[in-house]
């Protein structure tokens, strides 16, 4: 089965979809120019080692923040490349801040970065990546987890 030419937000995204029964239901808010922020606390279903979030879940948080940063320019697209750095274990049961921002844009390619920090602002994980835009959001269209 071939993926659609343009991504479709049907509300079932594991990270942000309101219709995902087991997802995180993340919501992002603008956090400055070309930047977004989300706050959440991960619980036991997202565990890797005892008391620590699974690395794949942390990667998803970073990827999602970059996708929502792209939406600040009304662009939707998909990850082309992502490089992560785990600085400290991401604990469960602790408030986290997930941030993403656009660093550069060349035609339909965006350079982005994202971070996961603890409640005190301590950096836990970071990523840089590039997204390929599949086009602009239609007038009045917005991603489901992006707050005005």
N, C-alpha and C. Protein backbone atom coordinates (compact mmCIF):
# COMPACT_ATOMS: atom_id res chain seq x y z
N UNK A 1 0.84 -1.19 0.00
CA UNK A 1 0.00 0.00 0.00
C UNK A 1 0.88 1.24 0.00
N UNK A 2 0.57 2.16 -0.85
CA UNK A 2 1.35 3.38 -0.98
C UNK A 2 0.78 4.47 -0.08
N UNK A 3 1.66 5.22 0.59
CA UNK A 3 1.23 6.32 1.46
C UNK A 3 0.64 7.44 0.60
N UNK A 4 -0.31 8.19 1.16
CA UNK A 4 -0.86 9.31 0.40
C UNK A 4 0.22 10.34 0.09
N UNK A 5 0.06 11.07 -1.01
CA UNK A 5 1.04 12.08 -1.41
C UNK A 5 1.11 13.20 -0.39
N UNK A 6 0.02 13.48 0.27
CA UNK A 6 -0.03 14.54 1.27
C UNK A 6 -0.47 13.91 2.58
N UNK A 7 0.26 14.15 3.67
CA UNK A 7 -0.14 13.56 4.95
C UNK A 7 -1.57 13.97 5.34
N UNK A 8 -2.25 13.06 6.00
CA UNK A 8 -3.62 13.31 6.45
C UNK A 8 -3.66 13.17 7.97
N UNK A 9 -4.12 14.20 8.66
CA UNK A 9 -4.27 14.16 10.11
C UNK A 9 -5.67 13.66 10.43
N UNK A 10 -5.78 12.36 10.73
CA UNK A 10 -7.10 11.79 11.03
C UNK A 10 -7.35 11.66 12.53
N UNK A 11 -6.47 12.26 13.35
CA UNK A 11 -6.66 12.26 14.80
C UNK A 11 -6.21 10.99 15.49
N UNK A 12 -5.53 10.09 14.79
CA UNK A 12 -5.11 8.82 15.38
C UNK A 12 -3.61 8.73 15.64
N UNK A 13 -2.91 9.84 15.50
CA UNK A 13 -1.47 9.86 15.77
C UNK A 13 -1.23 9.42 17.22
N UNK A 14 -0.27 8.51 17.43
CA UNK A 14 0.02 8.03 18.77
C UNK A 14 0.47 9.15 19.70
N UNK A 15 1.22 10.12 19.16
CA UNK A 15 1.73 11.20 20.00
C UNK A 15 0.67 12.24 20.32
N UNK A 16 -0.08 12.69 19.31
CA UNK A 16 -0.97 13.84 19.52
C UNK A 16 -2.44 13.59 19.22
N UNK A 17 -2.76 12.47 18.64
CA UNK A 17 -4.13 12.25 18.18
C UNK A 17 -5.15 12.13 19.30
N UNK A 18 -6.22 12.93 19.23
CA UNK A 18 -7.26 12.84 20.25
C UNK A 18 -8.06 11.54 20.17
N UNK A 19 -7.97 10.83 19.03
CA UNK A 19 -8.72 9.58 18.86
C UNK A 19 -7.85 8.34 19.04
N UNK A 20 -6.62 8.51 19.51
CA UNK A 20 -5.74 7.38 19.75
C UNK A 20 -6.01 6.86 21.16
N UNK A 21 -6.53 5.63 21.30
CA UNK A 21 -6.90 5.14 22.63
C UNK A 21 -5.72 4.95 23.58
N UNK A 22 -4.52 4.72 23.06
CA UNK A 22 -3.37 4.49 23.94
C UNK A 22 -2.32 5.58 23.83
N UNK A 23 -2.61 6.63 23.05
CA UNK A 23 -1.62 7.67 22.79
C UNK A 23 -1.44 8.67 23.91
N UNK A 24 -0.52 9.59 23.67
CA UNK A 24 -0.17 10.60 24.67
C UNK A 24 -1.06 11.83 24.63
N UNK A 25 -1.76 12.06 23.55
CA UNK A 25 -2.67 13.22 23.39
C UNK A 25 -1.94 14.53 23.65
N UNK A 26 -0.73 14.65 23.11
CA UNK A 26 0.07 15.86 23.30
C UNK A 26 -0.63 17.06 22.66
N UNK A 27 -0.45 18.20 23.28
CA UNK A 27 -0.94 19.46 22.74
C UNK A 27 0.25 20.42 22.73
N UNK A 28 0.38 21.15 21.64
CA UNK A 28 1.47 22.10 21.49
C UNK A 28 0.93 23.51 21.42
N UNK A 29 1.68 24.43 21.99
CA UNK A 29 1.33 25.85 21.96
C UNK A 29 2.52 26.62 21.38
N UNK A 30 2.25 27.74 20.72
CA UNK A 30 3.36 28.57 20.23
C UNK A 30 4.27 28.98 21.39
N UNK A 31 5.58 29.02 21.10
CA UNK A 31 6.56 29.39 22.13
C UNK A 31 7.62 30.28 21.50
N UNK A 32 7.17 31.37 20.90
CA UNK A 32 8.09 32.26 20.21
C UNK A 32 8.00 32.03 18.71
N UNK A 33 8.81 32.77 17.97
CA UNK A 33 8.79 32.68 16.51
C UNK A 33 9.27 31.31 16.04
N UNK A 34 8.46 30.65 15.22
CA UNK A 34 8.80 29.35 14.64
C UNK A 34 9.06 28.27 15.69
N UNK A 35 8.45 28.39 16.86
CA UNK A 35 8.71 27.43 17.93
C UNK A 35 7.42 27.01 18.63
N UNK A 36 7.44 25.81 19.19
CA UNK A 36 6.29 25.27 19.92
C UNK A 36 6.77 24.60 21.21
N UNK A 37 5.80 24.37 22.10
CA UNK A 37 6.11 23.74 23.38
C UNK A 37 4.91 22.91 23.83
N UNK A 38 5.23 21.77 24.47
CA UNK A 38 4.21 20.90 25.04
C UNK A 38 4.68 20.47 26.42
N UNK A 39 3.73 20.27 27.31
CA UNK A 39 4.04 19.79 28.66
C UNK A 39 3.30 18.49 28.90
N UNK A 40 3.99 17.51 29.47
CA UNK A 40 3.37 16.22 29.77
C UNK A 40 4.17 15.50 30.83
N UNK A 41 3.56 14.48 31.37
CA UNK A 41 4.20 13.59 32.32
C UNK A 41 4.00 12.17 31.81
N UNK A 42 5.10 11.46 31.58
CA UNK A 42 5.01 10.09 31.09
C UNK A 42 4.75 9.12 32.24
N UNK A 43 3.94 8.12 31.99
CA UNK A 43 3.60 7.13 33.01
C UNK A 43 4.16 5.74 32.64
N UNK A 44 3.90 4.76 33.47
CA UNK A 44 4.47 3.41 33.35
C UNK A 44 4.32 2.74 31.98
N UNK A 45 3.23 2.92 31.23
CA UNK A 45 3.15 2.24 29.93
C UNK A 45 4.25 2.66 28.94
N UNK A 46 4.95 3.75 29.21
CA UNK A 46 5.97 4.26 28.30
C UNK A 46 7.38 3.96 28.80
N UNK A 47 7.48 3.03 29.74
CA UNK A 47 8.74 2.68 30.39
C UNK A 47 9.63 1.82 29.49
N UNK A 48 10.94 2.05 29.62
CA UNK A 48 11.96 1.15 29.10
C UNK A 48 12.50 0.42 30.32
N UNK A 49 13.62 0.91 30.85
CA UNK A 49 14.11 0.41 32.13
C UNK A 49 13.25 0.98 33.26
N UNK A 50 13.30 0.36 34.40
CA UNK A 50 12.48 0.76 35.54
C UNK A 50 12.61 2.25 35.82
N UNK A 51 11.45 2.94 35.79
CA UNK A 51 11.39 4.35 36.12
C UNK A 51 11.87 5.30 35.04
N UNK A 52 12.25 4.75 33.87
CA UNK A 52 12.82 5.57 32.80
C UNK A 52 12.02 5.35 31.51
N UNK A 53 11.78 6.44 30.79
CA UNK A 53 11.05 6.34 29.53
C UNK A 53 11.87 5.55 28.50
N UNK A 54 11.18 4.78 27.68
CA UNK A 54 11.81 4.04 26.60
C UNK A 54 12.41 5.04 25.61
N UNK A 55 13.59 4.75 25.09
CA UNK A 55 14.25 5.64 24.15
C UNK A 55 13.43 5.93 22.91
N UNK A 56 12.65 4.96 22.46
CA UNK A 56 11.78 5.18 21.29
C UNK A 56 10.69 6.19 21.59
N UNK A 57 10.21 6.20 22.81
CA UNK A 57 9.19 7.19 23.21
C UNK A 57 9.82 8.58 23.23
N UNK A 58 11.04 8.68 23.73
CA UNK A 58 11.73 9.97 23.76
C UNK A 58 11.96 10.46 22.33
N UNK A 59 12.35 9.55 21.44
CA UNK A 59 12.53 9.91 20.02
C UNK A 59 11.23 10.44 19.43
N UNK A 60 10.12 9.80 19.79
CA UNK A 60 8.82 10.24 19.29
C UNK A 60 8.50 11.65 19.79
N UNK A 61 8.79 11.95 21.04
CA UNK A 61 8.54 13.29 21.58
C UNK A 61 9.31 14.34 20.78
N UNK A 62 10.58 14.06 20.51
CA UNK A 62 11.42 15.00 19.77
C UNK A 62 10.91 15.17 18.33
N UNK A 63 10.56 14.07 17.70
CA UNK A 63 10.05 14.10 16.32
C UNK A 63 8.74 14.89 16.25
N UNK A 64 7.88 14.68 17.20
CA UNK A 64 6.58 15.37 17.22
C UNK A 64 6.77 16.87 17.40
N UNK A 65 7.70 17.27 18.27
CA UNK A 65 7.96 18.70 18.48
C UNK A 65 8.46 19.35 17.20
N UNK A 66 9.28 18.64 16.44
CA UNK A 66 9.77 19.20 15.18
C UNK A 66 8.63 19.32 14.17
N UNK A 67 7.76 18.34 14.12
CA UNK A 67 6.62 18.39 13.20
C UNK A 67 5.72 19.58 13.52
N UNK A 68 5.46 19.81 14.78
CA UNK A 68 4.61 20.94 15.16
C UNK A 68 5.30 22.28 14.96
N UNK A 69 6.63 22.30 15.08
CA UNK A 69 7.35 23.54 14.76
C UNK A 69 7.15 23.87 13.28
N UNK A 70 7.21 22.86 12.42
CA UNK A 70 6.98 23.09 10.98
C UNK A 70 5.60 23.68 10.75
N UNK A 71 4.64 23.28 11.56
CA UNK A 71 3.27 23.80 11.40
C UNK A 71 3.15 25.27 11.75
N UNK A 72 4.15 25.84 12.45
CA UNK A 72 4.10 27.28 12.73
C UNK A 72 4.21 28.08 11.44
N UNK A 73 4.77 27.47 10.40
CA UNK A 73 4.82 28.11 9.07
C UNK A 73 3.73 27.57 8.16
N UNK A 74 2.75 26.89 8.76
CA UNK A 74 1.62 26.30 8.06
C UNK A 74 2.05 25.24 7.06
N UNK A 75 3.15 24.54 7.39
CA UNK A 75 3.66 23.46 6.55
C UNK A 75 3.43 22.13 7.22
N UNK A 76 3.15 21.12 6.43
CA UNK A 76 3.07 19.77 6.96
C UNK A 76 4.00 18.89 6.14
N UNK A 77 4.65 17.98 6.81
CA UNK A 77 5.59 17.15 6.10
C UNK A 77 5.99 15.94 6.91
N UNK A 78 7.08 15.35 6.53
CA UNK A 78 7.54 14.14 7.19
C UNK A 78 9.04 14.21 7.45
N UNK A 79 9.45 13.48 8.45
CA UNK A 79 10.85 13.44 8.84
C UNK A 79 11.69 12.81 7.73
N UNK A 80 12.74 13.50 7.32
CA UNK A 80 13.69 12.95 6.36
C UNK A 80 14.91 12.39 7.09
N UNK A 81 15.30 13.08 8.16
CA UNK A 81 16.48 12.68 8.92
C UNK A 81 16.37 13.22 10.34
N UNK A 82 16.88 12.45 11.29
CA UNK A 82 16.85 12.91 12.68
C UNK A 82 18.06 12.34 13.41
N UNK A 83 18.75 13.20 14.14
CA UNK A 83 19.89 12.79 14.96
C UNK A 83 19.59 13.19 16.39
N UNK A 84 19.71 12.22 17.31
CA UNK A 84 19.33 12.47 18.71
C UNK A 84 20.55 12.33 19.62
N UNK A 85 20.41 13.01 20.75
CA UNK A 85 21.41 12.86 21.80
C UNK A 85 20.67 12.71 23.13
N UNK A 86 20.91 11.59 23.79
CA UNK A 86 20.34 11.35 25.11
C UNK A 86 21.36 11.84 26.13
N UNK A 87 21.02 12.88 26.87
CA UNK A 87 21.96 13.47 27.82
C UNK A 87 21.80 12.87 29.21
N UNK A 88 20.55 12.60 29.59
CA UNK A 88 20.22 11.98 30.88
C UNK A 88 18.99 11.12 30.68
N UNK A 89 18.79 10.12 31.51
CA UNK A 89 17.56 9.33 31.40
C UNK A 89 16.33 10.23 31.58
N UNK A 90 15.30 9.97 30.81
CA UNK A 90 14.05 10.72 30.92
C UNK A 90 13.16 9.97 31.92
N UNK A 91 12.94 10.57 33.10
CA UNK A 91 12.20 9.86 34.14
C UNK A 91 10.69 9.82 33.89
N UNK A 92 10.08 8.78 34.41
CA UNK A 92 8.62 8.68 34.41
C UNK A 92 8.09 9.43 35.63
N UNK A 93 6.85 9.91 35.53
CA UNK A 93 6.19 10.55 36.66
C UNK A 93 6.69 11.94 36.99
N UNK A 94 7.44 12.56 36.09
CA UNK A 94 8.00 13.89 36.31
C UNK A 94 7.51 14.80 35.19
N UNK A 95 7.06 16.02 35.51
CA UNK A 95 6.65 16.93 34.44
C UNK A 95 7.81 17.21 33.47
N UNK A 96 7.49 17.16 32.18
CA UNK A 96 8.47 17.38 31.13
C UNK A 96 8.02 18.52 30.22
N UNK A 97 8.99 19.21 29.66
CA UNK A 97 8.71 20.22 28.64
C UNK A 97 9.37 19.74 27.34
N UNK A 98 8.58 19.71 26.27
CA UNK A 98 9.06 19.29 24.97
C UNK A 98 8.96 20.50 24.05
N UNK A 99 10.09 20.88 23.45
CA UNK A 99 10.11 22.08 22.62
C UNK A 99 10.68 21.76 21.24
N UNK A 100 10.16 22.45 20.23
CA UNK A 100 10.68 22.31 18.88
C UNK A 100 10.73 23.66 18.22
N UNK A 101 11.70 23.83 17.30
CA UNK A 101 11.78 25.10 16.57
C UNK A 101 12.44 24.90 15.22
N UNK A 102 12.06 25.77 14.30
CA UNK A 102 12.66 25.78 12.97
C UNK A 102 13.98 26.53 13.05
N UNK A 103 15.02 25.97 12.46
CA UNK A 103 16.34 26.59 12.43
C UNK A 103 16.60 27.22 11.06
N UNK A 104 16.16 26.54 10.00
CA UNK A 104 16.34 27.07 8.65
C UNK A 104 15.31 26.44 7.72
N UNK A 105 15.15 27.08 6.56
CA UNK A 105 14.29 26.54 5.51
C UNK A 105 14.91 26.83 4.16
N UNK A 106 14.97 25.81 3.32
CA UNK A 106 15.40 25.95 1.93
C UNK A 106 14.36 25.26 1.07
N UNK A 107 13.61 26.06 0.34
CA UNK A 107 12.49 25.57 -0.48
C UNK A 107 11.56 24.71 0.37
N UNK A 108 11.45 23.41 0.07
CA UNK A 108 10.50 22.58 0.81
C UNK A 108 11.17 21.72 1.89
N UNK A 109 12.40 22.06 2.27
CA UNK A 109 13.11 21.33 3.32
C UNK A 109 13.31 22.26 4.51
N UNK A 110 12.98 21.76 5.69
CA UNK A 110 13.13 22.51 6.94
C UNK A 110 14.19 21.85 7.81
N UNK A 111 15.06 22.66 8.41
CA UNK A 111 15.97 22.19 9.44
C UNK A 111 15.36 22.53 10.78
N UNK A 112 15.29 21.55 11.67
CA UNK A 112 14.62 21.75 12.95
C UNK A 112 15.46 21.22 14.10
N UNK A 113 15.11 21.66 15.30
CA UNK A 113 15.71 21.09 16.50
C UNK A 113 14.63 20.96 17.56
N UNK A 114 14.86 20.05 18.49
CA UNK A 114 13.90 19.80 19.55
C UNK A 114 14.63 19.39 20.82
N UNK A 115 13.97 19.63 21.96
CA UNK A 115 14.53 19.25 23.25
C UNK A 115 13.45 18.67 24.16
N UNK A 116 13.89 17.84 25.09
CA UNK A 116 13.06 17.38 26.20
C UNK A 116 13.79 17.79 27.46
N UNK A 117 13.09 18.52 28.33
CA UNK A 117 13.68 19.01 29.58
C UNK A 117 12.81 18.58 30.75
N UNK A 118 13.43 18.52 31.92
CA UNK A 118 12.65 18.23 33.13
C UNK A 118 11.99 19.52 33.62
N UNK A 119 11.19 19.41 34.67
CA UNK A 119 10.45 20.56 35.20
C UNK A 119 11.33 21.71 35.63
N UNK A 120 12.58 21.43 35.99
CA UNK A 120 13.50 22.47 36.41
C UNK A 120 14.30 23.06 35.26
N UNK A 121 14.02 22.62 34.04
CA UNK A 121 14.72 23.14 32.87
C UNK A 121 15.96 22.37 32.49
N UNK A 122 16.25 21.28 33.22
CA UNK A 122 17.43 20.47 32.89
C UNK A 122 17.25 19.72 31.59
N UNK A 123 18.19 19.86 30.68
CA UNK A 123 18.11 19.21 29.37
C UNK A 123 18.34 17.71 29.50
N UNK A 124 17.37 16.93 29.01
CA UNK A 124 17.44 15.47 29.08
C UNK A 124 17.79 14.83 27.74
N UNK A 125 17.22 15.37 26.66
CA UNK A 125 17.47 14.83 25.32
C UNK A 125 17.29 15.94 24.30
N UNK A 126 17.99 15.81 23.18
CA UNK A 126 17.85 16.80 22.12
C UNK A 126 17.95 16.11 20.77
N UNK A 127 17.50 16.81 19.75
CA UNK A 127 17.56 16.27 18.39
C UNK A 127 17.67 17.40 17.40
N UNK A 128 18.28 17.09 16.28
CA UNK A 128 18.23 17.95 15.11
C UNK A 128 17.69 17.08 13.98
N UNK A 129 17.05 17.72 13.04
CA UNK A 129 16.50 16.94 11.96
C UNK A 129 16.12 17.78 10.78
N UNK A 130 15.75 17.10 9.71
CA UNK A 130 15.23 17.78 8.54
C UNK A 130 13.91 17.14 8.16
N UNK A 131 12.99 17.98 7.74
CA UNK A 131 11.67 17.55 7.30
C UNK A 131 11.50 17.99 5.86
N UNK A 132 10.80 17.18 5.10
CA UNK A 132 10.43 17.55 3.74
C UNK A 132 8.96 17.93 3.78
N UNK A 133 8.67 19.14 3.34
CA UNK A 133 7.30 19.62 3.34
C UNK A 133 6.52 18.96 2.21
N UNK A 134 5.31 18.54 2.55
CA UNK A 134 4.41 17.97 1.55
C UNK A 134 3.34 18.98 1.18
N UNK A 135 3.57 20.24 1.55
CA UNK A 135 2.63 21.29 1.19
C UNK A 135 2.15 22.06 2.40
N UNK A 136 1.37 23.07 2.11
CA UNK A 136 0.85 23.93 3.15
C UNK A 136 -0.47 23.40 3.68
N UNK A 137 -0.77 23.75 4.91
CA UNK A 137 -2.09 23.48 5.46
C UNK A 137 -3.10 24.32 4.67
N UNK A 138 -4.25 23.77 4.42
CA UNK A 138 -5.30 24.50 3.71
C UNK A 138 -5.81 25.64 4.60
N UNK A 139 -6.40 26.68 4.00
CA UNK A 139 -6.98 27.76 4.81
C UNK A 139 -7.96 27.19 5.84
N UNK A 140 -7.76 27.57 7.08
CA UNK A 140 -8.62 27.09 8.16
C UNK A 140 -8.21 25.74 8.73
N UNK A 141 -7.32 25.01 8.04
CA UNK A 141 -6.85 23.71 8.52
C UNK A 141 -5.76 23.91 9.55
N UNK A 142 -5.74 23.06 10.56
CA UNK A 142 -4.67 23.09 11.55
C UNK A 142 -4.42 21.68 12.03
N UNK A 143 -3.25 21.44 12.57
CA UNK A 143 -2.98 20.13 13.14
C UNK A 143 -3.77 20.00 14.42
N UNK A 144 -4.24 18.79 14.71
CA UNK A 144 -5.17 18.58 15.83
C UNK A 144 -4.62 18.98 17.18
N UNK A 145 -3.32 18.81 17.42
CA UNK A 145 -2.78 19.12 18.73
C UNK A 145 -2.19 20.51 18.87
N UNK A 146 -2.38 21.37 17.87
CA UNK A 146 -1.79 22.71 17.94
C UNK A 146 -2.81 23.71 18.46
N UNK A 147 -2.50 24.29 19.59
CA UNK A 147 -3.38 25.28 20.19
C UNK A 147 -3.05 26.65 19.62
N UNK A 148 -4.04 27.47 19.52
CA UNK A 148 -3.84 28.82 18.96
C UNK A 148 -3.10 29.72 19.92
